[in-house]
Amino acid sequence: MTTLRSSAPTGPFATYPSLRGRRVLISGGASGIGAALVRGFVVQGSAVAFVDVQDEAAAALITELGTESGAVGVAPIYRHCDLSDTGAIPGAVADCIRLLGGLDVLVNNAGNDRRHASDTVNPAEWDELMAINLRQQFFVTQAALPTLRQSGSASVVHMSSIAWRIPSVGLPAYVAAKAGIVGLARSLAFEEGKHNIRVNSIQPGAILTEKQKQLWVTPEYSAEILSRQALRRHLEPEEVVRLALFLAADDSSGMTGQSYVIDGGWV
């Protein structure tokens, strides 16, 4: 594994009063950017539920936050859900909403950037990658919308990627899905604006998660990333979280239907 460090700024960062007590559901919240999102909303004083398939990682995160959050938040709720199984989504979402007592914020973060070659990918693999990277974002949102409409001031944040804009190679289904997410978010923003639901998407660049460090980031790839970015440092998951918190808070109340890039100036 390559050892990498970032010179990203460290706190203090913004606290949003409107997020205190707000009910938040995060998909893919057990690790990586998702775990950082769970931490970020808990620290803001939000009531957080998250779904994932990584039970051990989820349990460790809950233990960590239950120990560290103290007076600033309540340990989050976790429910196991394979989001590639569309039939499992409505029940998992309904269970989280019931335990939260409602829903004000949805962050569709789950995804899988598994590499796959254009000349070997088959229809079953294509469908599998679309299921976890695009289809579930729509069906999680669909399941949550009736409750979000009751919020009075709800926010949905979809996690896309700059992969479709660079463009990336070696993962065509993932790239297609991440492009589709931007269009999905914009369409939903116009459909749901009458209910005062805002819908935006985020396009992260190369974010230095533990998974990326373990699987993909070699010294050569690290050098390529830094050569393409305007900022000559690696970006951390918490930097994506700070954008998501702003989009969930009332501070961004006039912003919807947009897609925001956080990539150190790569695009």
C-alpha atoms as a PDB file:
ATOM      1  CA  MET A   1       0.000   0.000   0.000  1.00  0.00           C
ATOM      2  CA  THR A   2       1.281   3.457  -0.898  1.00  0.00           C
ATOM      3  CA  THR A   3       1.677   5.845   2.031  1.00  0.00           C
ATOM      4  CA  LEU A   4       0.305   9.250   1.102  1.00  0.00           C
ATOM      5  CA  ARG A   5      -0.423  12.404   3.001  1.00  0.00           C
ATOM      6  CA  SER A   6      -2.448  15.502   2.290  1.00  0.00           C
ATOM      7  CA  SER A   7      -1.818  19.061   3.362  1.00  0.00           C
ATOM      8  CA  ALA A   8      -5.544  19.788   3.467  1.00  0.00           C
ATOM      9  CA  PRO A   9      -6.549  22.492   5.963  1.00  0.00           C
ATOM     10  CA  THR A  10      -7.736  21.306   9.350  1.00  0.00           C
ATOM     11  CA  GLY A  11     -10.604  22.952  11.354  1.00  0.00           C
ATOM     12  CA  PRO A  12     -12.363  24.796  12.580  1.00  0.00           C
ATOM     13  CA  PHE A  13     -15.002  24.635   9.875  1.00  0.00           C
ATOM     14  CA  ALA A  14     -18.569  25.859   9.560  1.00  0.00           C
ATOM     15  CA  THR A  15     -21.357  24.741  11.864  1.00  0.00           C
ATOM     16  CA  TYR A  16     -24.868  24.971  10.393  1.00  0.00           C
ATOM     17  CA  PRO A  17     -27.644  25.618  12.934  1.00  0.00           C
ATOM     18  CA  SER A  18     -30.255  24.423  10.432  1.00  0.00           C
ATOM     19  CA  LEU A  19     -28.699  20.934  10.434  1.00  0.00           C
ATOM     20  CA  ARG A  20     -29.127  20.440  14.176  1.00  0.00           C
ATOM     21  CA  GLY A  21     -31.883  17.884  14.643  1.00  0.00           C
ATOM     22  CA  ARG A  22     -32.345  17.439  10.903  1.00  0.00           C
ATOM     23  CA  ARG A  23     -33.060  13.836   9.918  1.00  0.00           C
ATOM     24  CA  VAL A  24     -30.519  12.493   7.427  1.00  0.00           C
ATOM     25  CA  LEU A  25     -30.262   9.254   5.435  1.00  0.00           C
ATOM     26  CA  ILE A  26     -26.940   8.361   3.777  1.00  0.00           C
ATOM     27  CA  SER A  27     -26.403   5.435   1.413  1.00  0.00           C
ATOM     28  CA  GLY A  28     -23.055   3.657   1.449  1.00  0.00           C
ATOM     29  CA  GLY A  29     -22.151   5.203   4.793  1.00  0.00           C
ATOM     30  CA  ALA A  30     -19.858   2.571   6.302  1.00  0.00           C
ATOM     31  CA  SER A  31     -16.556   3.555   4.709  1.00  0.00           C
ATOM     32  CA  GLY A  32     -14.760   6.136   2.591  1.00  0.00           C
ATOM     33  CA  ILE A  33     -16.608   9.322   1.726  1.00  0.00           C
ATOM     34  CA  GLY A  34     -19.790   7.765   3.127  1.00  0.00           C
ATOM     35  CA  ALA A  35     -18.307   7.278   6.596  1.00  0.00           C
ATOM     36  CA  ALA A  36     -16.963  10.822   6.498  1.00  0.00           C
ATOM     37  CA  LEU A  37     -20.483  12.020   5.622  1.00  0.00           C
ATOM     38  CA  VAL A  38     -21.935  10.161   8.593  1.00  0.00           C
ATOM     39  CA  ARG A  39     -19.317  11.730  10.892  1.00  0.00           C
ATOM     40  CA  GLY A  40     -19.912  15.184   9.431  1.00  0.00           C
ATOM     41  CA  PHE A  41     -23.674  15.164   9.942  1.00  0.00           C
ATOM     42  CA  VAL A  42     -23.396  13.672  13.432  1.00  0.00           C
ATOM     43  CA  VAL A  43     -21.004  16.435  14.451  1.00  0.00           C
ATOM     44  CA  GLN A  44     -23.548  18.956  13.135  1.00  0.00           C
ATOM     45  CA  GLY A  45     -26.107  17.510  15.553  1.00  0.00           C
ATOM     46  CA  SER A  46     -28.197  15.804  12.886  1.00  0.00           C
ATOM     47  CA  ALA A  47     -30.056  12.541  13.440  1.00  0.00           C
ATOM     48  CA  VAL A  48     -28.379  10.151  10.992  1.00  0.00           C
ATOM     49  CA  ALA A  49     -29.249   6.762   9.536  1.00  0.00           C
ATOM     50  CA  PHE A  50     -27.151   4.984   6.938  1.00  0.00           C
ATOM     51  CA  VAL A  51     -27.376   1.839   4.835  1.00  0.00           C
ATOM     52  CA  ASP A  52     -24.564  -0.355   3.545  1.00  0.00           C
ATOM     53  CA  VAL A  53     -23.488  -3.992   3.240  1.00  0.00           C
ATOM     54  CA  GLN A  54     -20.295  -3.603   5.288  1.00  0.00           C
ATOM     55  CA  ASP A  55     -21.604  -4.641   8.703  1.00  0.00           C
ATOM     56  CA  GLU A  56     -18.257  -4.712  10.511  1.00  0.00           C
ATOM     57  CA  ALA A  57     -17.189  -1.303   9.222  1.00  0.00           C
ATOM     58  CA  ALA A  58     -20.603   0.103  10.132  1.00  0.00           C
ATOM     59  CA  ALA A  59     -20.387  -1.257  13.675  1.00  0.00           C
ATOM     60  CA  ALA A  60     -16.905   0.215  14.112  1.00  0.00           C
ATOM     61  CA  LEU A  61     -18.111   3.614  12.892  1.00  0.00           C
ATOM     62  CA  ILE A  62     -21.063   3.606  15.282  1.00  0.00           C
ATOM     63  CA  THR A  63     -18.787   2.694  18.170  1.00  0.00           C
ATOM     64  CA  GLU A  64     -16.376   5.457  17.212  1.00  0.00           C
ATOM     65  CA  LEU A  65     -19.089   8.088  16.995  1.00  0.00           C
ATOM     66  CA  GLY A  66     -20.833   6.915  20.134  1.00  0.00           C
ATOM     67  CA  THR A  67     -17.573   7.454  21.979  1.00  0.00           C
ATOM     68  CA  GLU A  68     -16.515  10.711  20.345  1.00  0.00           C
ATOM     69  CA  SER A  69     -19.717  12.577  19.535  1.00  0.00           C
ATOM     70  CA  GLY A  70     -20.660  13.330  23.137  1.00  0.00           C
ATOM     71  CA  ALA A  71     -22.821  16.409  23.414  1.00  0.00           C
ATOM     72  CA  VAL A  72     -22.547  17.346  19.734  1.00  0.00           C
ATOM     73  CA  GLY A  73     -24.585  14.483  18.354  1.00  0.00           C
ATOM     74  CA  VAL A  74     -26.230  11.088  18.706  1.00  0.00           C
ATOM     75  CA  ALA A  75     -24.658   7.900  17.402  1.00  0.00           C
ATOM     76  CA  PRO A  76     -26.141   7.000  13.999  1.00  0.00           C
ATOM     77  CA  ILE A  77     -28.543   4.204  13.059  1.00  0.00           C
ATOM     78  CA  TYR A  78     -27.373   1.488  10.663  1.00  0.00           C
ATOM     79  CA  ARG A  79     -29.372  -0.886   8.499  1.00  0.00           C
ATOM     80  CA  HIS A  80     -27.894  -3.567   6.241  1.00  0.00           C
ATOM     81  CA  CYS A  81     -29.105  -3.214   2.651  1.00  0.00           C
ATOM     82  CA  ASP A  82     -27.724  -4.461  -0.656  1.00  0.00           C
ATOM     83  CA  LEU A  83     -28.679  -1.501  -2.810  1.00  0.00           C
ATOM     84  CA  SER A  84     -28.152  -3.464  -6.017  1.00  0.00           C
ATOM     85  CA  ASP A  85     -31.258  -5.425  -4.962  1.00  0.00           C
ATOM     86  CA  THR A  86     -34.004  -2.988  -5.927  1.00  0.00           C
ATOM     87  CA  GLY A  87     -36.582  -5.001  -4.039  1.00  0.00           C
ATOM     88  CA  ALA A  88     -34.737  -4.469  -0.747  1.00  0.00           C
ATOM     89  CA  ILE A  89     -34.599  -0.679  -1.032  1.00  0.00           C
ATOM     90  CA  PRO A  90     -38.152   0.384  -0.054  1.00  0.00           C
ATOM     91  CA  GLY A  91     -38.122  -1.617   3.167  1.00  0.00           C
ATOM     92  CA  ALA A  92     -34.689  -0.391   4.225  1.00  0.00           C
ATOM     93  CA  VAL A  93     -35.565   3.235   3.490  1.00  0.00           C
ATOM     94  CA  ALA A  94     -38.909   2.925   5.298  1.00  0.00           C
ATOM     95  CA  ASP A  95     -37.205   1.370   8.320  1.00  0.00           C
ATOM     96  CA  CYS A  96     -34.668   4.208   8.523  1.00  0.00           C
ATOM     97  CA  ILE A  97     -37.393   6.839   8.167  1.00  0.00           C
ATOM     98  CA  ARG A  98     -39.418   5.181  10.905  1.00  0.00           C
ATOM     99  CA  LEU A  99     -36.464   5.125  13.281  1.00  0.00           C
ATOM    100  CA  LEU A 100     -35.560   8.742  12.468  1.00  0.00           C
ATOM    101  CA  GLY A 101     -39.163   9.902  12.801  1.00  0.00           C
ATOM    102  CA  GLY A 102     -39.128  11.487   9.348  1.00  0.00           C
ATOM    103  CA  LEU A 103     -36.601  12.630   6.766  1.00  0.00           C
ATOM    104  CA  ASP A 104     -35.183  16.003   5.735  1.00  0.00           C
ATOM    105  CA  VAL A 105     -31.929  15.167   3.938  1.00  0.00           C
ATOM    106  CA  LEU A 106     -30.985  12.307   1.614  1.00  0.00           C
ATOM    107  CA  VAL A 107     -27.406  11.774   0.457  1.00  0.00           C
ATOM    108  CA  ASN A 108     -27.097   9.164  -2.300  1.00  0.00           C
ATOM    109  CA  ASN A 109     -23.452   8.271  -1.879  1.00  0.00           C
ATOM    110  CA  ALA A 110     -23.177   4.506  -2.514  1.00  0.00           C
ATOM    111  CA  GLY A 111     -21.237   3.334  -5.552  1.00  0.00           C
ATOM    112  CA  ASN A 112     -18.490   1.048  -6.801  1.00  0.00           C
ATOM    113  CA  ASP A 113     -15.635   2.126  -9.072  1.00  0.00           C
ATOM    114  CA  ARG A 114     -14.494  -1.419  -9.821  1.00  0.00           C
ATOM    115  CA  ARG A 115     -12.339  -1.417 -12.950  1.00  0.00           C
ATOM    116  CA  HIS A 116     -13.635  -3.152 -16.080  1.00  0.00           C
ATOM    117  CA  ALA A 117     -12.407  -3.221 -19.681  1.00  0.00           C
ATOM    118  CA  SER A 118     -14.586  -2.068 -22.573  1.00  0.00           C
ATOM    119  CA  ASP A 119     -13.701  -5.095 -24.687  1.00  0.00           C
ATOM    120  CA  THR A 120     -14.536  -7.685 -22.028  1.00  0.00           C
ATOM    121  CA  VAL A 121     -17.466  -6.278 -20.034  1.00  0.00           C
ATOM    122  CA  ASN A 122     -20.595  -8.377 -20.596  1.00  0.00           C
ATOM    123  CA  PRO A 123     -24.281  -7.463 -20.234  1.00  0.00           C
ATOM    124  CA  ALA A 124     -24.572  -8.987 -16.751  1.00  0.00           C
ATOM    125  CA  GLU A 125     -21.561  -7.024 -15.480  1.00  0.00           C
ATOM    126  CA  TRP A 126     -22.856  -3.842 -17.125  1.00  0.00           C
ATOM    127  CA  ASP A 127     -26.241  -4.275 -15.430  1.00  0.00           C
ATOM    128  CA  GLU A 128     -24.571  -5.001 -12.082  1.00  0.00           C
ATOM    129  CA  LEU A 129     -22.463  -1.831 -12.278  1.00  0.00           C
ATOM    130  CA  MET A 130     -25.444   0.254 -13.327  1.00  0.00           C
ATOM    131  CA  ALA A 131     -27.458  -1.197 -10.451  1.00  0.00           C
ATOM    132  CA  ILE A 132     -24.997  -0.073  -7.792  1.00  0.00           C
ATOM    133  CA  ASN A 133     -23.895   3.187  -9.396  1.00  0.00           C
ATOM    134  CA  LEU A 134     -27.056   4.662 -10.927  1.00  0.00           C
ATOM    135  CA  ARG A 135     -30.241   2.611 -10.531  1.00  0.00           C
ATOM    136  CA  GLN A 136     -30.152   2.560  -6.741  1.00  0.00           C
ATOM    137  CA  GLN A 137     -29.776   6.349  -6.549  1.00  0.00           C
ATOM    138  CA  PHE A 138     -33.118   6.719  -8.302  1.00  0.00           C
ATOM    139  CA  PHE A 139     -34.957   4.043  -6.334  1.00  0.00           C
ATOM    140  CA  VAL A 140     -33.629   5.175  -2.953  1.00  0.00           C
ATOM    141  CA  THR A 141     -34.827   8.675  -3.840  1.00  0.00           C
ATOM    142  CA  GLN A 142     -38.188   7.354  -5.035  1.00  0.00           C
ATOM    143  CA  ALA A 143     -38.691   5.514  -1.744  1.00  0.00           C
ATOM    144  CA  ALA A 144     -37.755   8.611   0.274  1.00  0.00           C
ATOM    145  CA  LEU A 145     -39.718  11.228  -1.680  1.00  0.00           C
ATOM    146  CA  PRO A 146     -43.128  10.873   0.031  1.00  0.00           C
ATOM    147  CA  THR A 147     -41.524  11.649   3.393  1.00  0.00           C
ATOM    148  CA  LEU A 148     -39.174  14.313   2.028  1.00  0.00           C
ATOM    149  CA  ARG A 149     -42.224  16.128   0.638  1.00  0.00           C
ATOM    150  CA  GLN A 150     -43.552  16.405   4.192  1.00  0.00           C
ATOM    151  CA  SER A 151     -40.364  18.052   5.441  1.00  0.00           C
ATOM    152  CA  GLY A 152     -41.167  21.524   4.150  1.00  0.00           C
ATOM    153  CA  SER A 153     -37.499  22.162   3.366  1.00  0.00           C
ATOM    154  CA  ALA A 154     -35.685  19.060   2.148  1.00  0.00           C
ATOM    155  CA  SER A 155     -32.401  18.510   0.356  1.00  0.00           C
ATOM    156  CA  VAL A 156     -31.207  15.602  -1.779  1.00  0.00           C
ATOM    157  CA  VAL A 157     -27.537  15.294  -2.696  1.00  0.00           C
ATOM    158  CA  HIS A 158     -26.419  12.802  -5.368  1.00  0.00           C
ATOM    159  CA  MET A 159     -22.773  11.742  -5.535  1.00  0.00           C
ATOM    160  CA  SER A 160     -21.461  11.792  -9.096  1.00  0.00           C
ATOM    161  CA  SER A 161     -17.805  12.056 -10.191  1.00  0.00           C
ATOM    162  CA  ILE A 162     -15.569  13.968 -12.583  1.00  0.00           C
ATOM    163  CA  ALA A 163     -14.819  10.567 -14.163  1.00  0.00           C
ATOM    164  CA  TRP A 164     -17.211  11.293 -17.029  1.00  0.00           C
ATOM    165  CA  ARG A 165     -15.688  14.720 -17.663  1.00  0.00           C
ATOM    166  CA  ILE A 166     -11.963  13.912 -17.669  1.00  0.00           C
ATOM    167  CA  PRO A 167     -12.808  11.373 -19.245  1.00  0.00           C
ATOM    168  CA  SER A 168     -11.621   8.309 -17.323  1.00  0.00           C
ATOM    169  CA  VAL A 169     -10.727   5.033 -19.032  1.00  0.00           C
ATOM    170  CA  GLY A 170     -10.983   1.442 -17.879  1.00  0.00           C
ATOM    171  CA  LEU A 171     -14.407   1.735 -16.239  1.00  0.00           C
ATOM    172  CA  PRO A 172     -16.980   2.641 -18.931  1.00  0.00           C
ATOM    173  CA  ALA A 173     -20.119   1.583 -17.062  1.00  0.00           C
ATOM    174  CA  TYR A 174     -19.087   3.578 -13.986  1.00  0.00           C
ATOM    175  CA  VAL A 175     -18.381   6.639 -16.152  1.00  0.00           C
ATOM    176  CA  ALA A 176     -21.764   6.327 -17.895  1.00  0.00           C
ATOM    177  CA  ALA A 177     -23.530   5.977 -14.543  1.00  0.00           C
ATOM    178  CA  LYS A 178     -21.829   9.019 -13.045  1.00  0.00           C
ATOM    179  CA  ALA A 179     -22.825  11.101 -16.072  1.00  0.00           C
ATOM    180  CA  GLY A 180     -26.392   9.863 -15.691  1.00  0.00           C
ATOM    181  CA  ILE A 181     -26.494  10.948 -12.049  1.00  0.00           C
ATOM    182  CA  VAL A 182     -25.996  14.582 -13.025  1.00  0.00           C
ATOM    183  CA  GLY A 183     -28.958  14.422 -15.398  1.00  0.00           C
ATOM    184  CA  LEU A 184     -31.062  12.555 -12.848  1.00  0.00           C
ATOM    185  CA  ALA A 185     -30.443  15.171 -10.178  1.00  0.00           C
ATOM    186  CA  ARG A 186     -31.321  18.018 -12.512  1.00  0.00           C
ATOM    187  CA  SER A 187     -34.550  16.335 -13.619  1.00  0.00           C
ATOM    188  CA  LEU A 188     -35.612  15.586 -10.041  1.00  0.00           C
ATOM    189  CA  ALA A 189     -34.850  19.161  -9.018  1.00  0.00           C
ATOM    190  CA  PHE A 190     -37.448  20.449 -11.465  1.00  0.00           C
ATOM    191  CA  GLU A 191     -39.977  17.764 -10.587  1.00  0.00           C
ATOM    192  CA  GLU A 192     -39.703  18.253  -6.829  1.00  0.00           C
ATOM    193  CA  GLY A 193     -39.151  21.999  -6.569  1.00  0.00           C
ATOM    194  CA  LYS A 194     -42.879  22.514  -6.037  1.00  0.00           C
ATOM    195  CA  HIS A 195     -42.487  20.564  -2.782  1.00  0.00           C
ATOM    196  CA  ASN A 196     -39.548  22.761  -1.721  1.00  0.00           C
ATOM    197  CA  ILE A 197     -37.151  19.854  -2.206  1.00  0.00           C
ATOM    198  CA  ARG A 198     -33.763  20.891  -3.506  1.00  0.00           C
ATOM    199  CA  VAL A 199     -31.748  18.360  -5.525  1.00  0.00           C
ATOM    200  CA  ASN A 200     -28.074  18.824  -6.367  1.00  0.00           C
ATOM    201  CA  SER A 201     -25.126  16.627  -7.240  1.00  0.00           C
ATOM    202  CA  ILE A 202     -21.448  16.631  -6.356  1.00  0.00           C
ATOM    203  CA  GLN A 203     -18.640  15.630  -8.704  1.00  0.00           C
ATOM    204  CA  PRO A 204     -15.570  14.672  -6.657  1.00  0.00           C
ATOM    205  CA  GLY A 205     -12.199  14.192  -8.269  1.00  0.00           C
ATOM    206  CA  ALA A 206      -9.479  11.915  -6.918  1.00  0.00           C
ATOM    207  CA  ILE A 207     -10.358  11.661  -3.233  1.00  0.00           C
ATOM    208  CA  LEU A 208      -7.839   9.896  -1.009  1.00  0.00           C
ATOM    209  CA  THR A 209     -10.016   7.285   0.708  1.00  0.00           C
ATOM    210  CA  GLU A 210      -8.567   4.150   2.288  1.00  0.00           C
ATOM    211  CA  LYS A 211     -10.005   2.065  -0.562  1.00  0.00           C
ATOM    212  CA  GLN A 212      -8.302   4.236  -3.167  1.00  0.00           C
ATOM    213  CA  LYS A 213      -4.998   4.001  -1.317  1.00  0.00           C
ATOM    214  CA  GLN A 214      -5.229   0.235  -1.019  1.00  0.00           C
ATOM    215  CA  LEU A 215      -6.438  -0.587  -4.533  1.00  0.00           C
ATOM    216  CA  TRP A 216      -5.539   2.094  -7.036  1.00  0.00           C
ATOM    217  CA  VAL A 217      -3.121   4.785  -5.862  1.00  0.00           C
ATOM    218  CA  THR A 218       0.399   3.856  -6.887  1.00  0.00           C
ATOM    219  CA  PRO A 219       3.285   6.365  -6.841  1.00  0.00           C
ATOM    220  CA  GLU A 220       2.822   6.720 -10.608  1.00  0.00           C
ATOM    221  CA  TYR A 221      -0.914   7.364 -10.387  1.00  0.00           C
ATOM    222  CA  SER A 222      -0.399   9.752  -7.483  1.00  0.00           C
ATOM    223  CA  ALA A 223       2.046  11.752  -9.593  1.00  0.00           C
ATOM    224  CA  GLU A 224      -0.454  11.797 -12.473  1.00  0.00           C
ATOM    225  CA  ILE A 225      -3.219  13.096 -10.196  1.00  0.00           C
ATOM    226  CA  LEU A 226      -1.083  15.911  -8.848  1.00  0.00           C
ATOM    227  CA  SER A 227       0.130  16.863 -12.311  1.00  0.00           C
ATOM    228  CA  ARG A 228      -3.461  17.285 -13.517  1.00  0.00           C
ATOM    229  CA  GLN A 229      -4.775  19.247 -10.526  1.00  0.00           C
ATOM    230  CA  ALA A 230      -4.264  22.957  -9.969  1.00  0.00           C
ATOM    231  CA  LEU A 231      -3.782  22.175  -6.261  1.00  0.00           C
ATOM    232  CA  ARG A 232      -0.680  20.052  -5.825  1.00  0.00           C
ATOM    233  CA  ARG A 233      -1.999  17.962  -2.960  1.00  0.00           C
ATOM    234  CA  HIS A 234      -4.377  15.065  -2.468  1.00  0.00           C
ATOM    235  CA  LEU A 235      -7.977  15.805  -1.506  1.00  0.00           C
ATOM    236  CA  GLU A 236      -9.502  14.174   1.570  1.00  0.00           C
ATOM    237  CA  PRO A 237     -13.056  12.795   2.055  1.00  0.00           C
ATOM    238  CA  GLU A 238     -13.815  15.528   4.603  1.00  0.00           C
ATOM    239  CA  GLU A 239     -13.458  18.155   1.885  1.00  0.00           C
ATOM    240  CA  VAL A 240     -16.321  16.546  -0.040  1.00  0.00           C
ATOM    241  CA  VAL A 241     -18.318  16.359   3.179  1.00  0.00           C
ATOM    242  CA  ARG A 242     -18.052  20.091   3.796  1.00  0.00           C
ATOM    243  CA  LEU A 243     -19.658  20.740   0.410  1.00  0.00           C
ATOM    244  CA  ALA A 244     -22.423  18.203   1.125  1.00  0.00           C
ATOM    245  CA  LEU A 245     -23.149  19.810   4.500  1.00  0.00           C
ATOM    246  CA  PHE A 246     -23.531  23.209   2.852  1.00  0.00           C
ATOM    247  CA  LEU A 247     -25.899  21.792   0.221  1.00  0.00           C
ATOM    248  CA  ALA A 248     -27.974  20.115   2.940  1.00  0.00           C
ATOM    249  CA  ALA A 249     -28.164  23.224   5.124  1.00  0.00           C
ATOM    250  CA  ASP A 250     -30.525  26.169   4.737  1.00  0.00           C
ATOM    251  CA  ASP A 251     -27.507  28.330   3.844  1.00  0.00           C
ATOM    252  CA  SER A 252     -27.889  26.970   0.285  1.00  0.00           C
ATOM    253  CA  SER A 253     -31.678  27.375   0.229  1.00  0.00           C
ATOM    254  CA  GLY A 254     -31.729  28.979  -3.236  1.00  0.00           C
ATOM    255  CA  MET A 255     -29.487  26.382  -4.882  1.00  0.00           C
ATOM    256  CA  THR A 256     -30.972  23.433  -6.771  1.00  0.00           C
ATOM    257  CA  GLY A 257     -30.550  21.561 -10.032  1.00  0.00           C
ATOM    258  CA  GLN A 258     -26.811  22.164 -10.007  1.00  0.00           C
ATOM    259  CA  SER A 259     -23.709  19.971  -9.988  1.00  0.00           C
ATOM    260  CA  TYR A 260     -20.663  21.082  -8.031  1.00  0.00           C
ATOM    261  CA  VAL A 261     -17.108  19.973  -8.780  1.00  0.00           C
ATOM    262  CA  ILE A 262     -14.581  19.417  -5.998  1.00  0.00           C
ATOM    263  CA  ASP A 263     -11.409  18.129  -7.648  1.00  0.00           C
ATOM    264  CA  GLY A 264      -8.527  20.459  -6.828  1.00  0.00           C
ATOM    265  CA  GLY A 265      -8.886  22.104 -10.240  1.00  0.00           C
ATOM    266  CA  TRP A 266      -8.585  18.978 -12.419  1.00  0.00           C
ATOM    267  CA  VAL A 267     -11.608  19.713 -14.661  1.00  0.00           C
END
